[in-house]
Every structure is written in structure tokens, then in C-alpha cells.
PDB file of N, CA and C in Angstrom:
ATOM      1  N   PRO A   1     -32.776  34.545  -9.033  1.00  0.00           N
ATOM      2  CA  PRO A   1     -32.567  36.130  -9.247  1.00  0.00           C
ATOM      3  C   PRO A   1     -31.212  36.326  -9.722  1.00  0.00           C
ATOM      4  N   CYS A   2     -31.040  37.036 -10.823  1.00  0.00           N
ATOM      5  CA  CYS A   2     -29.772  37.573 -11.309  1.00  0.00           C
ATOM      6  C   CYS A   2     -29.761  38.870 -11.129  1.00  0.00           C
ATOM      7  N   ASN A   3     -28.535  39.396 -10.482  1.00  0.00           N
ATOM      8  CA  ASN A   3     -27.818  40.887 -10.565  1.00  0.00           C
ATOM      9  C   ASN A   3     -27.527  41.228 -11.622  1.00  0.00           C
ATOM     10  N   PRO A   4     -27.853  42.002 -12.147  1.00  0.00           N
ATOM     11  CA  PRO A   4     -27.062  42.909 -13.202  1.00  0.00           C
ATOM     12  C   PRO A   4     -25.831  43.524 -12.959  1.00  0.00           C
ATOM     13  N   ILE A   5     -24.970  43.186 -13.979  1.00  0.00           N
ATOM     14  CA  ILE A   5     -23.651  43.848 -13.703  1.00  0.00           C
ATOM     15  C   ILE A   5     -23.964  45.146 -14.569  1.00  0.00           C
ATOM     16  N   TYR A   6     -24.268  45.165 -15.521  1.00  0.00           N
ATOM     17  CA  TYR A   6     -24.706  46.266 -16.750  1.00  0.00           C
ATOM     18  C   TYR A   6     -25.475  45.389 -17.393  1.00  0.00           C
ATOM     19  N   ALA A   7     -26.553  46.314 -17.832  1.00  0.00           N
ATOM     20  CA  ALA A   7     -27.536  45.667 -18.746  1.00  0.00           C
ATOM     21  C   ALA A   7     -28.413  46.554 -19.395  1.00  0.00           C
ATOM     22  N   ASP A   8     -29.528  46.277 -20.304  1.00  0.00           N
ATOM     23  CA  ASP A   8     -29.973  47.115 -21.165  1.00  0.00           C
ATOM     24  C   ASP A   8     -31.398  47.246 -20.069  1.00  0.00           C
ATOM     25  N   THR A   9     -31.574  46.381 -19.111  1.00  0.00           N
ATOM     26  CA  THR A   9     -33.170  46.144 -18.368  1.00  0.00           C
ATOM     27  C   THR A   9     -32.519  46.812 -17.176  1.00  0.00           C
ATOM     28  N   GLY A  10     -33.539  46.547 -16.197  1.00  0.00           N
ATOM     29  CA  GLY A  10     -33.328  47.115 -14.843  1.00  0.00           C
ATOM     30  C   GLY A  10     -32.774  46.150 -13.872  1.00  0.00           C
ATOM     31  N   PRO A  11     -32.837  46.522 -12.789  1.00  0.00           N
ATOM     32  CA  PRO A  11     -32.562  45.618 -11.459  1.00  0.00           C
ATOM     33  C   PRO A  11     -33.869  44.599 -11.266  1.00  0.00           C
ATOM     34  N   GLY A  12     -33.711  43.264 -10.913  1.00  0.00           N
ATOM     35  CA  GLY A  12     -34.761  42.381 -10.664  1.00  0.00           C
ATOM     36  C   GLY A  12     -35.437  41.876 -12.160  1.00  0.00           C
ATOM     37  N   THR A  13     -34.995  42.322 -13.118  1.00  0.00           N
ATOM     38  CA  THR A  13     -35.574  41.636 -14.692  1.00  0.00           C
ATOM     39  C   THR A  13     -35.102  40.569 -14.866  1.00  0.00           C
ATOM     40  N   PRO A  14     -35.970  39.362 -14.873  1.00  0.00           N
ATOM     41  CA  PRO A  14     -35.234  37.737 -15.401  1.00  0.00           C
ATOM     42  C   PRO A  14     -34.296  37.656 -16.386  1.00  0.00           C
ATOM     43  N   CYS A  15     -33.472  36.933 -15.913  1.00  0.00           N
ATOM     44  CA  CYS A  15     -32.915  36.342 -17.166  1.00  0.00           C
ATOM     45  C   CYS A  15     -33.346  36.091 -18.724  1.00  0.00           C
ATOM     46  N   PRO A  16     -33.111  36.833 -19.687  1.00  0.00           N
ATOM     47  CA  PRO A  16     -33.707  36.475 -20.850  1.00  0.00           C
ATOM     48  C   PRO A  16     -33.302  35.177 -21.322  1.00  0.00           C
ATOM     49  N   THR A  17     -34.245  34.667 -21.899  1.00  0.00           N
ATOM     50  CA  THR A  17     -33.733  33.323 -23.031  1.00  0.00           C
ATOM     51  C   THR A  17     -32.664  33.762 -24.119  1.00  0.00           C
ATOM     52  N   GLY A  18     -31.920  33.014 -24.797  1.00  0.00           N
ATOM     53  CA  GLY A  18     -31.010  32.622 -25.571  1.00  0.00           C
ATOM     54  C   GLY A  18     -29.694  33.216 -24.763  1.00  0.00           C
ATOM     55  N   MET A  19     -29.466  33.092 -23.419  1.00  0.00           N
ATOM     56  CA  MET A  19     -28.416  33.139 -22.438  1.00  0.00           C
ATOM     57  C   MET A  19     -28.059  32.096 -22.109  1.00  0.00           C
ATOM     58  N   TYR A  20     -26.669  31.824 -22.016  1.00  0.00           N
ATOM     59  CA  TYR A  20     -26.232  30.661 -21.440  1.00  0.00           C
ATOM     60  C   TYR A  20     -25.715  30.700 -19.679  1.00  0.00           C
ATOM     61  N   LYS A  21     -25.731  29.411 -19.094  1.00  0.00           N
ATOM     62  CA  LYS A  21     -25.048  29.947 -17.392  1.00  0.00           C
ATOM     63  C   LYS A  21     -23.640  29.294 -17.440  1.00  0.00           C
ATOM     64  N   VAL A  22     -22.723  29.754 -17.174  1.00  0.00           N
ATOM     65  CA  VAL A  22     -21.665  29.415 -17.339  1.00  0.00           C
ATOM     66  C   VAL A  22     -20.823  29.488 -15.576  1.00  0.00           C
ATOM     67  N   GLY A  23     -19.902  28.709 -15.413  1.00  0.00           N
ATOM     68  CA  GLY A  23     -19.470  29.143 -14.080  1.00  0.00           C
ATOM     69  C   GLY A  23     -18.996  27.857 -13.270  1.00  0.00           C
ATOM     70  N   PRO A  24     -18.483  27.701 -12.174  1.00  0.00           N
ATOM     71  CA  PRO A  24     -18.271  28.834 -11.616  1.00  0.00           C
ATOM     72  C   PRO A  24     -17.022  29.450 -11.824  1.00  0.00           C
ATOM     73  N   VAL A  25     -16.943  30.986 -11.724  1.00  0.00           N
ATOM     74  CA  VAL A  25     -15.847  31.632 -12.194  1.00  0.00           C
ATOM     75  C   VAL A  25     -14.676  31.381 -11.387  1.00  0.00           C
ATOM     76  N   PRO A  26     -13.243  31.323 -12.044  1.00  0.00           N
ATOM     77  CA  PRO A  26     -12.387  31.043 -11.001  1.00  0.00           C
ATOM     78  C   PRO A  26     -12.086  32.436 -10.144  1.00  0.00           C
ATOM     79  N   MET A  27     -11.429  32.290  -9.176  1.00  0.00           N
ATOM     80  CA  MET A  27     -11.367  33.394  -8.005  1.00  0.00           C
ATOM     81  C   MET A  27      -9.780  33.703  -8.328  1.00  0.00           C
ATOM     82  N   THR A  28      -9.835  34.596  -9.288  1.00  0.00           N
ATOM     83  CA  THR A  28      -8.322  35.403  -9.814  1.00  0.00           C
ATOM     84  C   THR A  28      -8.222  36.835  -9.030  1.00  0.00           C
ATOM     85  N   GLY A  29      -9.573  37.266  -8.626  1.00  0.00           N
ATOM     86  CA  GLY A  29      -9.428  38.613  -8.269  1.00  0.00           C
ATOM     87  C   GLY A  29      -9.198  39.692  -9.499  1.00  0.00           C
ATOM     88  N   SER A  30      -9.291  39.457 -10.571  1.00  0.00           N
ATOM     89  CA  SER A  30      -8.975  40.854 -11.583  1.00  0.00           C
ATOM     90  C   SER A  30     -10.221  41.308 -11.939  1.00  0.00           C
ATOM     91  N   MET A  31     -11.110  40.794 -11.627  1.00  0.00           N
ATOM     92  CA  MET A  31     -12.514  41.343 -11.845  1.00  0.00           C
ATOM     93  C   MET A  31     -13.343  42.039 -10.724  1.00  0.00           C
ATOM     94  N   ARG A  32     -12.718  42.276  -9.578  1.00  0.00           N
ATOM     95  CA  ARG A  32     -13.210  42.718  -8.494  1.00  0.00           C
ATOM     96  C   ARG A  32     -13.454  44.253  -8.908  1.00  0.00           C
ATOM     97  N   PRO A  33     -14.658  44.620  -7.911  1.00  0.00           N
ATOM     98  CA  PRO A  33     -15.503  44.332  -7.492  1.00  0.00           C
ATOM     99  C   PRO A  33     -16.778  43.392  -7.990  1.00  0.00           C
ATOM    100  N   ALA A  34     -16.981  43.774  -9.281  1.00  0.00           N
ATOM    101  CA  ALA A  34     -17.973  43.335  -9.915  1.00  0.00           C
ATOM    102  C   ALA A  34     -18.293  41.682 -10.132  1.00  0.00           C
ATOM    103  N   ILE A  35     -16.708  40.912  -9.998  1.00  0.00           N
ATOM    104  CA  ILE A  35     -17.038  39.431  -9.926  1.00  0.00           C
ATOM    105  C   ILE A  35     -16.100  39.134  -9.118  1.00  0.00           C
ATOM    106  N   HIS A  36     -16.286  38.485  -8.154  1.00  0.00           N
ATOM    107  CA  HIS A  36     -15.426  37.892  -7.009  1.00  0.00           C
ATOM    108  C   HIS A  36     -14.501  36.625  -7.299  1.00  0.00           C
ATOM    109  N   GLY A  37     -15.376  35.730  -7.914  1.00  0.00           N
ATOM    110  CA  GLY A  37     -14.885  34.522  -8.172  1.00  0.00           C
ATOM    111  C   GLY A  37     -15.987  33.273  -7.378  1.00  0.00           C
ATOM    112  N   GLY A  38     -16.395  32.289  -8.112  1.00  0.00           N
ATOM    113  CA  GLY A  38     -17.112  31.481  -7.649  1.00  0.00           C
ATOM    114  C   GLY A  38     -18.656  31.735  -7.874  1.00  0.00           C
ATOM    115  N   GLU A  39     -18.809  32.681  -8.794  1.00  0.00           N
ATOM    116  CA  GLU A  39     -20.069  33.132  -8.968  1.00  0.00           C
ATOM    117  C   GLU A  39     -20.228  32.298 -10.543  1.00  0.00           C
ATOM    118  N   TYR A  40     -21.763  32.160 -10.735  1.00  0.00           N
ATOM    119  CA  TYR A  40     -22.302  31.735 -12.188  1.00  0.00           C
ATOM    120  C   TYR A  40     -22.321  33.191 -12.768  1.00  0.00           C
ATOM    121  N   LEU A  41     -22.200  32.713 -14.347  1.00  0.00           N
ATOM    122  CA  LEU A  41     -22.630  33.954 -15.238  1.00  0.00           C
ATOM    123  C   LEU A  41     -23.412  33.651 -16.119  1.00  0.00           C
ATOM    124  N   TYR A  42     -24.461  34.942 -16.572  1.00  0.00           N
ATOM    125  CA  TYR A  42     -25.265  34.349 -17.647  1.00  0.00           C
ATOM    126  C   TYR A  42     -24.688  35.444 -18.685  1.00  0.00           C
ATOM    127  N   VAL A  43     -24.272  34.628 -19.753  1.00  0.00           N
ATOM    128  CA  VAL A  43     -23.715  35.049 -21.023  1.00  0.00           C
ATOM    129  C   VAL A  43     -24.565  34.966 -22.512  1.00  0.00           C
ATOM    130  N   GLU A  44     -24.518  35.801 -23.000  1.00  0.00           N
ATOM    131  CA  GLU A  44     -25.049  35.983 -24.514  1.00  0.00           C
ATOM    132  C   GLU A  44     -23.719  35.970 -25.599  1.00  0.00           C
ATOM    133  N   PRO A  45     -23.943  34.808 -26.393  1.00  0.00           N
ATOM    134  CA  PRO A  45     -23.043  34.596 -27.484  1.00  0.00           C
ATOM    135  C   PRO A  45     -22.830  36.028 -28.321  1.00  0.00           C
ATOM    136  N   TYR A  46     -21.545  36.432 -28.664  1.00  0.00           N
ATOM    137  CA  TYR A  46     -21.206  37.868 -29.462  1.00  0.00           C
ATOM    138  C   TYR A  46     -21.329  37.604 -30.674  1.00  0.00           C
ATOM    139  N   ARG A  47     -22.024  38.321 -31.209  1.00  0.00           N
ATOM    140  CA  ARG A  47     -22.250  38.617 -32.944  1.00  0.00           C
ATOM    141  C   ARG A  47     -22.181  39.646 -33.470  1.00  0.00           C
ATOM    142  N   GLY A  48     -20.867  40.227 -33.109  1.00  0.00           N
ATOM    143  CA  GLY A  48     -20.147  41.472 -33.869  1.00  0.00           C
ATOM    144  C   GLY A  48     -20.767  42.557 -33.420  1.00  0.00           C
ATOM    145  N   GLN A  49     -21.494  42.690 -32.354  1.00  0.00           N
ATOM    146  CA  GLN A  49     -22.008  44.022 -31.845  1.00  0.00           C
ATOM    147  C   GLN A  49     -20.981  44.886 -31.337  1.00  0.00           C
ATOM    148  N   PRO A  50     -21.114  46.461 -31.145  1.00  0.00           N
ATOM    149  CA  PRO A  50     -19.935  47.060 -30.249  1.00  0.00           C
ATOM    150  C   PRO A  50     -20.010  46.303 -28.693  1.00  0.00           C
ATOM    151  N   VAL A  51     -18.691  46.322 -28.385  1.00  0.00           N
ATOM    152  CA  VAL A  51     -18.475  45.855 -27.093  1.00  0.00           C
ATOM    153  C   VAL A  51     -17.939  46.638 -26.178  1.00  0.00           C
ATOM    154  N   LEU A  52     -17.439  48.042 -26.372  1.00  0.00           N
ATOM    155  CA  LEU A  52     -17.065  48.994 -25.569  1.00  0.00           C
ATOM    156  C   LEU A  52     -17.581  49.159 -24.177  1.00  0.00           C
ATOM    157  N   GLY A  53     -16.704  48.807 -23.092  1.00  0.00           N
ATOM    158  CA  GLY A  53     -17.330  49.143 -21.778  1.00  0.00           C
ATOM    159  C   GLY A  53     -17.812  47.893 -20.854  1.00  0.00           C
ATOM    160  N   HIS A  54     -18.194  46.575 -21.839  1.00  0.00           N
ATOM    161  CA  HIS A  54     -18.911  45.459 -21.524  1.00  0.00           C
ATOM    162  C   HIS A  54     -17.875  44.448 -20.864  1.00  0.00           C
ATOM    163  N   ILE A  55     -18.284  43.458 -20.203  1.00  0.00           N
ATOM    164  CA  ILE A  55     -17.464  42.246 -19.941  1.00  0.00           C
ATOM    165  C   ILE A  55     -17.541  41.345 -20.670  1.00  0.00           C
ATOM    166  N   ILE A  56     -16.561  40.797 -21.594  1.00  0.00           N
ATOM    167  CA  ILE A  56     -16.367  39.968 -22.522  1.00  0.00           C
ATOM    168  C   ILE A  56     -15.491  38.406 -21.974  1.00  0.00           C
ATOM    169  N   SER A  57     -15.855  37.484 -23.082  1.00  0.00           N
ATOM    170  CA  SER A  57     -14.902  36.448 -22.554  1.00  0.00           C
ATOM    171  C   SER A  57     -14.638  35.586 -24.093  1.00  0.00           C
ATOM    172  N   ASN A  58     -13.539  35.087 -23.564  1.00  0.00           N
ATOM    173  CA  ASN A  58     -13.118  34.146 -24.927  1.00  0.00           C
ATOM    174  C   ASN A  58     -13.469  32.571 -24.519  1.00  0.00           C
ATOM    175  N   GLY A  59     -14.048  32.387 -23.288  1.00  0.00           N
ATOM    176  CA  GLY A  59     -14.096  30.994 -22.946  1.00  0.00           C
ATOM    177  C   GLY A  59     -12.950  30.305 -21.927  1.00  0.00           C
ATOM    178  N   LYS A  60     -11.772  31.258 -21.996  1.00  0.00           N
ATOM    179  CA  LYS A  60     -10.718  31.067 -20.899  1.00  0.00           C
ATOM    180  C   LYS A  60     -10.665  32.207 -19.779  1.00  0.00           C
ATOM    181  N   TRP A  61     -11.021  33.515 -20.211  1.00  0.00           N
ATOM    182  CA  TRP A  61     -10.676  34.688 -19.819  1.00  0.00           C
ATOM    183  C   TRP A  61     -11.920  35.512 -19.749  1.00  0.00           C
ATOM    184  N   LEU A  62     -12.226  36.345 -18.638  1.00  0.00           N
ATOM    185  CA  LEU A  62     -13.066  37.640 -19.114  1.00  0.00           C
ATOM    186  C   LEU A  62     -12.499  38.858 -18.376  1.00  0.00           C
ATOM    187  N   HIS A  63     -12.459  39.775 -19.029  1.00  0.00           N
ATOM    188  CA  HIS A  63     -12.213  41.198 -18.836  1.00  0.00           C
ATOM    189  C   HIS A  63     -13.106  42.263 -19.526  1.00  0.00           C
ATOM    190  N   GLN A  64     -12.999  43.201 -18.991  1.00  0.00           N
ATOM    191  CA  GLN A  64     -13.950  44.750 -19.480  1.00  0.00           C
ATOM    192  C   GLN A  64     -13.154  45.267 -20.766  1.00  0.00           C
ATOM    193  N   VAL A  65     -13.820  45.588 -21.807  1.00  0.00           N
ATOM    194  CA  VAL A  65     -13.231  46.183 -22.772  1.00  0.00           C
ATOM    195  C   VAL A  65     -13.138  47.499 -22.850  1.00  0.00           C
ATOM    196  N   THR A  66     -11.657  48.120 -22.613  1.00  0.00           N
ATOM    197  CA  THR A  66     -11.356  49.458 -22.601  1.00  0.00           C
ATOM    198  C   THR A  66     -11.124  50.201 -23.875  1.00  0.00           C
ATOM    199  N   ALA A  67     -11.084  49.495 -24.818  1.00  0.00           N
ATOM    200  CA  ALA A  67     -10.659  50.097 -26.018  1.00  0.00           C
ATOM    201  C   ALA A  67     -11.456  49.155 -27.450  1.00  0.00           C
ATOM    202  N   GLU A  68     -11.662  49.726 -28.263  1.00  0.00           N
ATOM    203  CA  GLU A  68     -12.043  48.942 -29.630  1.00  0.00           C
ATOM    204  C   GLU A  68     -11.887  49.497 -31.023  1.00  0.00           C
ATOM    205  N   THR A  69     -11.526  48.706 -31.907  1.00  0.00           N
ATOM    206  CA  THR A  69     -11.533  49.150 -33.184  1.00  0.00           C
ATOM    207  C   THR A  69     -12.412  48.175 -33.961  1.00  0.00           C
ATOM    208  N   LYS A  70     -12.177  48.374 -35.208  1.00  0.00           N
ATOM    209  CA  LYS A  70     -13.102  47.630 -36.158  1.00  0.00           C
ATOM    210  C   LYS A  70     -12.548  46.201 -36.001  1.00  0.00           C
ATOM    211  N   ASP A  71     -11.318  45.745 -35.716  1.00  0.00           N
ATOM    212  CA  ASP A  71     -11.098  44.370 -35.838  1.00  0.00           C
ATOM    213  C   ASP A  71     -10.793  44.004 -34.441  1.00  0.00           C
ATOM    214  N   ALA A  72     -10.785  44.644 -33.262  1.00  0.00           N
ATOM    215  CA  ALA A  72     -10.089  43.897 -32.298  1.00  0.00           C
ATOM    216  C   ALA A  72     -10.006  44.906 -31.105  1.00  0.00           C
ATOM    217  N   VAL A  73     -10.078  44.330 -29.963  1.00  0.00           N
ATOM    218  CA  VAL A  73     -10.432  44.782 -28.413  1.00  0.00           C
ATOM    219  C   VAL A  73      -9.258  44.932 -27.497  1.00  0.00           C
ATOM    220  N   ARG A  74      -9.267  45.966 -26.762  1.00  0.00           N
ATOM    221  CA  ARG A  74      -8.302  45.959 -25.751  1.00  0.00           C
ATOM    222  C   ARG A  74      -9.048  45.779 -24.446  1.00  0.00           C
ATOM    223  N   THR A  75      -8.541  44.869 -23.681  1.00  0.00           N
ATOM    224  CA  THR A  75      -9.441  44.731 -22.268  1.00  0.00           C
ATOM    225  C   THR A  75      -8.548  44.721 -21.044  1.00  0.00           C
ATOM    226  N   ALA A  76      -9.244  44.770 -19.787  1.00  0.00           N
ATOM    227  CA  ALA A  76      -8.386  45.062 -18.535  1.00  0.00           C
ATOM    228  C   ALA A  76      -9.335  44.251 -17.518  1.00  0.00           C
ATOM    229  N   GLY A  77      -8.970  43.786 -16.480  1.00  0.00           N
ATOM    230  CA  GLY A  77      -9.201  43.356 -15.457  1.00  0.00           C
ATOM    231  C   GLY A  77      -9.847  44.619 -14.377  1.00  0.00           C
ATOM    232  N   LEU A  78     -10.915  44.755 -13.875  1.00  0.00           N
ATOM    233  CA  LEU A  78     -11.548  46.007 -13.034  1.00  0.00           C
ATOM    234  C   LEU A  78     -10.678  46.012 -11.971  1.00  0.00           C
ATOM    235  N   ALA A  79      -9.563  45.333 -11.568  1.00  0.00           N
ATOM    236  CA  ALA A  79      -8.792  45.454 -10.490  1.00  0.00           C
ATOM    237  C   ALA A  79      -7.217  45.480 -10.840  1.00  0.00           C
ATOM    238  N   ASN A  80      -7.077  45.496 -12.345  1.00  0.00           N
ATOM    239  CA  ASN A  80      -5.641  45.645 -12.675  1.00  0.00           C
ATOM    240  C   ASN A  80      -5.243  47.022 -13.002  1.00  0.00           C
ATOM    241  N   ARG A  81      -4.118  47.331 -12.797  1.00  0.00           N
ATOM    242  CA  ARG A  81      -3.730  48.717 -13.349  1.00  0.00           C
ATOM    243  C   ARG A  81      -3.184  49.121 -14.966  1.00  0.00           C
ATOM    244  N   HIS A  82      -3.055  48.059 -15.591  1.00  0.00           N
ATOM    245  CA  HIS A  82      -2.839  47.648 -16.760  1.00  0.00           C
ATOM    246  C   HIS A  82      -3.746  47.091 -17.827  1.00  0.00           C
ATOM    247  N   SER A  83      -3.362  47.355 -19.061  1.00  0.00           N
ATOM    248  CA  SER A  83      -4.607  46.839 -20.018  1.00  0.00           C
ATOM    249  C   SER A  83      -3.848  45.462 -20.519  1.00  0.00           C
ATOM    250  N   ASP A  84      -4.728  44.610 -21.071  1.00  0.00           N
ATOM    251  CA  ASP A  84      -4.028  43.860 -21.835  1.00  0.00           C
ATOM    252  C   ASP A  84      -3.930  43.706 -23.056  1.00  0.00           C
ATOM    253  N   PRO A  85      -2.988  42.911 -23.778  1.00  0.00           N
ATOM    254  CA  PRO A  85      -2.689  43.100 -25.325  1.00  0.00           C
ATOM    255  C   PRO A  85      -4.096  43.174 -26.384  1.00  0.00           C
ATOM    256  N   TRP A  86      -4.013  43.874 -27.546  1.00  0.00           N
ATOM    257  CA  TRP A  86      -5.247  43.911 -28.085  1.00  0.00           C
ATOM    258  C   TRP A  86      -5.678  42.509 -28.703  1.00  0.00           C
ATOM    259  N   THR A  87      -6.755  42.189 -28.542  1.00  0.00           N
ATOM    260  CA  THR A  87      -7.561  40.868 -28.847  1.00  0.00           C
ATOM    261  C   THR A  87      -8.211  40.854 -30.258  1.00  0.00           C
ATOM    262  N   PRO A  88      -8.060  40.247 -31.125  1.00  0.00           N
ATOM    263  CA  PRO A  88      -8.862  40.097 -32.258  1.00  0.00           C
ATOM    264  C   PRO A  88     -10.280  39.888 -31.701  1.00  0.00           C
ATOM    265  N   LYS A  89     -11.290  40.419 -32.730  1.00  0.00           N
ATOM    266  CA  LYS A  89     -12.834  40.357 -32.234  1.00  0.00           C
ATOM    267  C   LYS A  89     -13.011  38.987 -32.743  1.00  0.00           C
ATOM    268  N   SER A  90     -12.526  38.028 -33.607  1.00  0.00           N
ATOM    269  CA  SER A  90     -12.626  36.958 -33.836  1.00  0.00           C
ATOM    270  C   SER A  90     -12.575  35.969 -32.603  1.00  0.00           C
ATOM    271  N   GLU A  91     -11.962  36.418 -31.702  1.00  0.00           N
ATOM    272  CA  GLU A  91     -11.521  35.561 -30.415  1.00  0.00           C
ATOM    273  C   GLU A  91     -12.483  35.378 -29.338  1.00  0.00           C
ATOM    274  N   ILE A  92     -13.613  36.461 -29.537  1.00  0.00           N
ATOM    275  CA  ILE A  92     -14.431  36.780 -28.481  1.00  0.00           C
ATOM    276  C   ILE A  92     -15.783  35.831 -28.557  1.00  0.00           C
ATOM    277  N   LYS A  93     -16.061  35.305 -27.530  1.00  0.00           N
ATOM    278  CA  LYS A  93     -17.216  34.316 -27.566  1.00  0.00           C
ATOM    279  C   LYS A  93     -18.529  34.907 -26.935  1.00  0.00           C
ATOM    280  N   TYR A  94     -18.442  35.408 -26.144  1.00  0.00           N
ATOM    281  CA  TYR A  94     -19.602  35.895 -25.017  1.00  0.00           C
ATOM    282  C   TYR A  94     -19.146  37.139 -24.598  1.00  0.00           C
ATOM    283  N   ILE A  95     -20.417  37.918 -24.332  1.00  0.00           N
ATOM    284  CA  ILE A  95     -20.459  38.869 -23.350  1.00  0.00           C
ATOM    285  C   ILE A  95     -21.472  38.676 -22.179  1.00  0.00           C
ATOM    286  N   VAL A  96     -20.712  39.065 -21.078  1.00  0.00           N
ATOM    287  CA  VAL A  96     -21.519  38.672 -19.890  1.00  0.00           C
ATOM    288  C   VAL A  96     -22.759  39.865 -19.421  1.00  0.00           C
ATOM    289  N   ARG A  97     -23.771  39.127 -19.277  1.00  0.00           N
ATOM    290  CA  ARG A  97     -24.900  39.948 -18.986  1.00  0.00           C
ATOM    291  C   ARG A  97     -25.124  39.917 -17.621  1.00  0.00           C
ATOM    292  N   TYR A  98     -25.195  38.970 -16.764  1.00  0.00           N
ATOM    293  CA  TYR A  98     -25.568  38.612 -15.435  1.00  0.00           C
ATOM    294  C   TYR A  98     -24.614  38.036 -14.467  1.00  0.00           C
ATOM    295  N   VAL A  99     -24.328  38.497 -13.406  1.00  0.00           N
ATOM    296  CA  VAL A  99     -23.702  37.657 -12.363  1.00  0.00           C
ATOM    297  C   VAL A  99     -24.364  37.141 -11.560  1.00  0.00           C
ATOM    298  N   LEU A 100     -24.668  35.788 -11.278  1.00  0.00           N
ATOM    299  CA  LEU A 100     -25.597  34.940 -10.283  1.00  0.00           C
ATOM    300  C   LEU A 100     -24.394  34.558  -8.780  1.00  0.00           C
ATOM    301  N   ARG A 101     -24.879  35.466  -7.968  1.00  0.00           N
ATOM    302  CA  ARG A 101     -24.377  35.250  -6.633  1.00  0.00           C
ATOM    303  C   ARG A 101     -25.135  34.299  -5.899  1.00  0.00           C
ATOM    304  N   GLN A 102     -24.612  33.524  -5.291  1.00  0.00           N
ATOM    305  CA  GLN A 102     -24.664  32.094  -4.652  1.00  0.00           C
ATOM    306  C   GLN A 102     -24.972  32.383  -3.170  1.00  0.00           C
TER     307      GLN A 102
END
């Protein structure tokens, strides 16, 4: 079963097709309380859609989008006090849709 962090569907909805299972997530603590580390994620490929408020990944890190322009996003870990530098949207690979807690 998948536990949605946020999604367009309600709790208990099965993970949709077209997503990838990745993980386990490193235990960095930057995304607490949503992601503690050690979980697996269900992600969907980024296809240019708006991502403000979503958790995204470039394949190396994942953080929540706090600001968005036409060409770039600004992200921050949920547990971090400061935002990360602007990231070009061309570097976004995935949008996190579900966290699978073991």
C-alpha cells in the first residue's frame, strides 16, 4: 500500500501505472516529517507541468518546490530554514507522488 504525501487522489488509492519505485531514500533528515529516510518512493517523470508545492528530484536530491518561474524552481527541505539556490527546470527528473513506508 502507498501513503500519499500529496496527490490528486485520496488516501488508500493504489499507486497509478506509469510511476517508478525508487529508493531507499538516504537518511539526511532534510525532508522530515514527510520523508524520514529509508523509505521507497513512487515517482512520476517530470514533463514540464507546474510543480510549485510538489516534492521533486533530479535523481540525486529531493526537496519541495517553494518558488517557480518559467525556467527555474527554488526548493527547500521541509526541515531546512533556508531555500536552496535556483535550479533550472531542465534538471528536474521526477515528481514524488507517494512514500512507501516499510
